[in-house]
Amino acid sequence: MQAIIAFDTNRFTRYSFRPASTHRHGARTQTVRSRASNRTEIAPVKLSPRVLIVDASRESREVLRMLLELRGATTIEAEGPEQALKLTHTLRPDLILLDADSDATSTGTPTNDLREAANRNHTPIVILGKLRQLHGELESGQIMTKPYHYGPLIRKIDGLLAAA
């Protein structure tokens, strides 16, 4: 849940929470009242980016979740593209990390639907998979071929989140 944090320094430090803006990169603000000037200033509070991890393997999701949360990201997990598509519409993640092997269908329709939803929402997507599986998808997203190392993957994610 997003919140706006307000500080009042005329009295004891007090925290009050109220709903924040509902748009995708809703701004949080911090209100600070200076005792000397009795002036209120508003400063932005940095939001933690939301990353949707789509992977059929629970172990892979756990490792990625741990690495991303250590970097300050909030993670959302889905076992497959169908579940991820629903989460994308409701939670509006800042980045989608999709394992191409998580789509159990032979047509790949759920994965394509997820990629289209990400494009509509201007959400960066990183696709993990074997190069021959991703041949038709090379033009539409960031690709990490398997096997991949976590260091370059996390740097790619950091770069995409910084650019968003």
Protein backbone atom coordinates (compact mmCIF):
# COMPACT_ATOMS: atom_id res chain seq x y z
CA MET A 1 0.00 0.00 0.00
CA GLN A 2 1.29 3.41 -0.89
CA ALA A 3 1.22 6.10 1.77
CA ILE A 4 2.11 9.71 2.26
CA ILE A 5 4.27 10.25 5.32
CA ALA A 6 3.87 13.59 7.11
CA PHE A 7 6.24 14.81 9.83
CA ASP A 8 5.34 17.62 12.24
CA THR A 9 8.37 18.96 14.11
CA ASN A 10 6.50 21.64 16.11
CA ARG A 11 5.41 18.89 18.42
CA PHE A 12 6.96 15.53 18.92
CA THR A 13 7.75 13.71 15.70
CA ARG A 14 4.48 12.27 14.55
CA TYR A 15 3.73 10.01 11.62
CA SER A 16 0.42 10.01 9.84
CA PHE A 17 -0.47 7.78 6.95
CA ARG A 18 -3.00 8.48 4.25
CA PRO A 19 -3.53 6.99 0.78
CA ALA A 20 -1.21 8.26 -1.92
CA SER A 21 -1.79 8.97 -5.54
CA THR A 22 -3.04 6.03 -7.58
CA HIS A 23 -1.15 6.53 -10.84
CA ARG A 24 1.64 4.15 -11.77
CA HIS A 25 4.58 6.10 -10.42
CA GLY A 26 2.51 7.76 -7.70
CA ALA A 27 4.63 10.25 -5.84
CA ARG A 28 5.05 10.01 -2.12
CA THR A 29 5.82 13.23 -0.37
CA GLN A 30 7.36 14.11 2.95
CA THR A 31 6.07 17.25 4.65
CA VAL A 32 8.54 18.90 7.04
CA ARG A 33 7.69 21.95 9.13
CA SER A 34 10.68 23.98 10.27
CA ARG A 35 10.42 25.29 13.84
CA ALA A 36 12.50 28.40 13.09
CA SER A 37 10.66 29.57 9.97
CA ASN A 38 7.33 27.83 10.61
CA ARG A 39 7.42 26.95 6.91
CA THR A 40 6.24 23.69 5.37
CA GLU A 41 8.37 22.04 2.72
CA ILE A 42 7.44 19.02 0.64
CA ALA A 43 10.16 16.58 -0.42
CA PRO A 44 9.70 13.37 -2.44
CA VAL A 45 10.13 10.03 -0.72
CA LYS A 46 11.71 7.41 -2.98
CA LEU A 47 9.36 4.56 -3.88
CA SER A 48 10.74 1.07 -3.98
CA PRO A 49 10.29 -0.35 -7.48
CA ARG A 50 7.89 -3.26 -7.92
CA VAL A 51 9.28 -6.20 -9.88
CA LEU A 52 7.03 -9.04 -11.05
CA ILE A 53 8.96 -12.35 -11.16
CA VAL A 54 7.37 -14.95 -13.46
CA ASP A 55 8.99 -18.36 -13.14
CA ALA A 56 7.59 -21.87 -12.79
CA SER A 57 10.46 -22.83 -10.48
CA ARG A 58 9.84 -21.87 -6.85
CA GLU A 59 13.57 -22.03 -6.12
CA SER A 60 14.43 -19.61 -8.95
CA ARG A 61 11.72 -17.19 -7.76
CA GLU A 62 13.11 -17.32 -4.21
CA VAL A 63 16.68 -16.57 -5.33
CA LEU A 64 15.56 -13.70 -7.56
CA ARG A 65 13.27 -12.36 -4.83
CA MET A 66 16.10 -12.36 -2.31
CA LEU A 67 18.52 -10.62 -4.71
CA LEU A 68 16.01 -7.96 -5.73
CA GLU A 69 14.81 -7.27 -2.19
CA LEU A 70 18.42 -6.80 -1.09
CA ARG A 71 18.59 -4.07 -3.77
CA GLY A 72 15.49 -2.36 -2.32
CA ALA A 73 12.84 -3.65 -4.73
CA THR A 74 9.42 -4.95 -3.78
CA THR A 75 8.77 -8.28 -5.49
CA ILE A 76 5.60 -9.90 -6.72
CA GLU A 77 5.70 -13.55 -7.75
CA ALA A 78 3.74 -15.56 -10.31
CA GLU A 79 4.13 -19.19 -11.37
CA GLY A 80 3.11 -18.59 -14.97
CA PRO A 81 2.16 -15.95 -17.52
CA GLU A 82 -1.59 -16.38 -16.93
CA GLN A 83 -1.27 -15.45 -13.25
CA ALA A 84 1.25 -12.73 -14.11
CA LEU A 85 -1.16 -11.15 -16.59
CA LYS A 86 -3.79 -10.75 -13.86
CA LEU A 87 -1.19 -9.30 -11.46
CA THR A 88 0.06 -6.91 -14.14
CA HIS A 89 -3.42 -5.45 -14.58
CA THR A 90 -4.07 -5.06 -10.85
CA LEU A 91 -0.65 -4.18 -9.37
CA ARG A 92 1.06 -2.39 -12.29
CA PRO A 93 4.68 -3.51 -11.67
CA ASP A 94 7.60 -1.30 -12.68
CA LEU A 95 9.40 -4.23 -14.36
CA ILE A 96 8.52 -7.79 -15.38
CA LEU A 97 11.10 -10.57 -15.18
CA LEU A 98 9.78 -13.47 -17.28
CA ASP A 99 11.28 -16.94 -17.62
CA ALA A 100 10.32 -18.14 -21.11
CA ASP A 101 10.15 -21.72 -19.80
CA SER A 102 7.33 -20.82 -17.39
CA ASP A 103 4.75 -20.93 -20.20
CA ALA A 104 3.50 -24.53 -20.24
CA THR A 105 1.27 -24.03 -23.30
CA SER A 106 2.44 -25.09 -26.73
CA THR A 107 1.16 -21.90 -28.41
CA GLY A 108 2.86 -19.36 -26.15
CA THR A 109 -0.30 -17.23 -26.14
CA PRO A 110 -0.14 -16.32 -22.40
CA THR A 111 3.47 -15.14 -22.79
CA ASN A 112 2.54 -13.05 -25.83
CA ASP A 113 -0.45 -11.58 -23.96
CA LEU A 114 1.83 -10.66 -21.05
CA ARG A 115 4.35 -9.01 -23.41
CA GLU A 116 1.55 -7.03 -25.09
CA ALA A 117 0.22 -5.88 -21.70
CA ALA A 118 3.73 -4.80 -20.70
CA ASN A 119 4.08 -2.83 -23.94
CA ARG A 120 0.69 -1.15 -23.43
CA ASN A 121 1.64 -0.12 -19.88
CA HIS A 122 5.18 0.92 -20.94
CA THR A 123 6.57 -1.62 -18.49
CA PRO A 124 10.05 -2.92 -19.25
CA ILE A 125 10.27 -6.69 -19.52
CA VAL A 126 13.32 -8.92 -19.19
CA ILE A 127 12.92 -12.34 -20.79
CA LEU A 128 15.04 -15.25 -19.63
CA GLY A 129 15.39 -18.16 -22.01
CA LYS A 130 17.33 -20.09 -24.59
CA LEU A 131 18.19 -18.14 -27.72
CA ARG A 132 16.42 -20.54 -30.08
CA GLN A 133 13.21 -20.24 -28.01
CA LEU A 134 13.36 -16.45 -28.14
CA HIS A 135 14.14 -16.04 -31.84
CA GLY A 136 10.80 -14.36 -32.61
CA GLU A 137 10.94 -12.19 -29.48
CA LEU A 138 14.34 -10.56 -29.88
CA GLU A 139 13.00 -7.25 -31.13
CA SER A 140 10.54 -6.60 -28.31
CA GLY A 141 12.41 -6.76 -25.02
CA GLN A 142 15.54 -7.23 -23.01
CA ILE A 143 16.85 -10.77 -23.40
CA MET A 144 19.05 -12.76 -21.03
CA THR A 145 19.95 -16.10 -22.57
CA LYS A 146 20.25 -19.22 -20.46
CA PRO A 147 22.38 -20.08 -18.69
CA TYR A 148 22.67 -16.62 -17.17
CA HIS A 149 24.60 -15.22 -14.23
CA TYR A 150 22.82 -13.24 -11.53
CA GLY A 151 25.28 -10.31 -11.51
CA PRO A 152 24.66 -9.17 -15.12
CA LEU A 153 20.92 -9.86 -14.71
CA ILE A 154 20.66 -7.62 -11.63
CA ARG A 155 22.70 -4.88 -13.37
CA LYS A 156 20.34 -5.04 -16.37
CA ILE A 157 17.32 -4.79 -14.05
CA ASP A 158 18.88 -1.86 -12.17
CA GLY A 159 19.53 -0.08 -15.46
CA LEU A 160 15.96 -0.57 -16.70
CA LEU A 161 14.47 0.58 -13.40
CA ALA A 162 16.72 3.66 -13.35
CA ALA A 163 15.62 4.56 -16.87
CA ALA A 164 11.90 4.18 -16.09
